[in-house]
Amino acid sequence: MKLFVLILSLFSFFQLSNDFEIVGTWNTLEDNTKVQIVEQKGVFIGRIISSDNSKAQVGRLILKDLVKTGNTWSGKIFAVKRNEWYDVEITSKKNMLDLKVHIGFVNKTLTWEK
């Protein structure tokens, strides 16, 4: 019985840690912009925390409504140049995030590094 509880606890721990793969500070690789992703009330959000771009608004919400579905997170990403929110799917690969942004019938893929 103790072994069963231990195995169940370990499984729960690893499952929970997988959900937080996207939590942390990420470099967008554009103007040395850093985005911090955190969990808030069961969903994930991301805010700009620093940037070499003088026009970047530190503190601006750039990712919202991110929820995990399968191996990806789905939500919205803010396109600063267009001043609009777009659908995004994020896949975590070790210390990288692949972001697939859906702009109408066009998809754009971005890579962020931890």
Foldseek 3Di string as FASTA:
>chain_A
DVVVVVVVVVVVVVVVVLQCLVAAWKQQPPQRWIWGWDDDPQAIWIFTCDGNDPPHDGGDTAWDRWHDDPQWTWGWGADPVVRDIFIWIWHDDRQKIWIWTDDDPDTDITMIGD
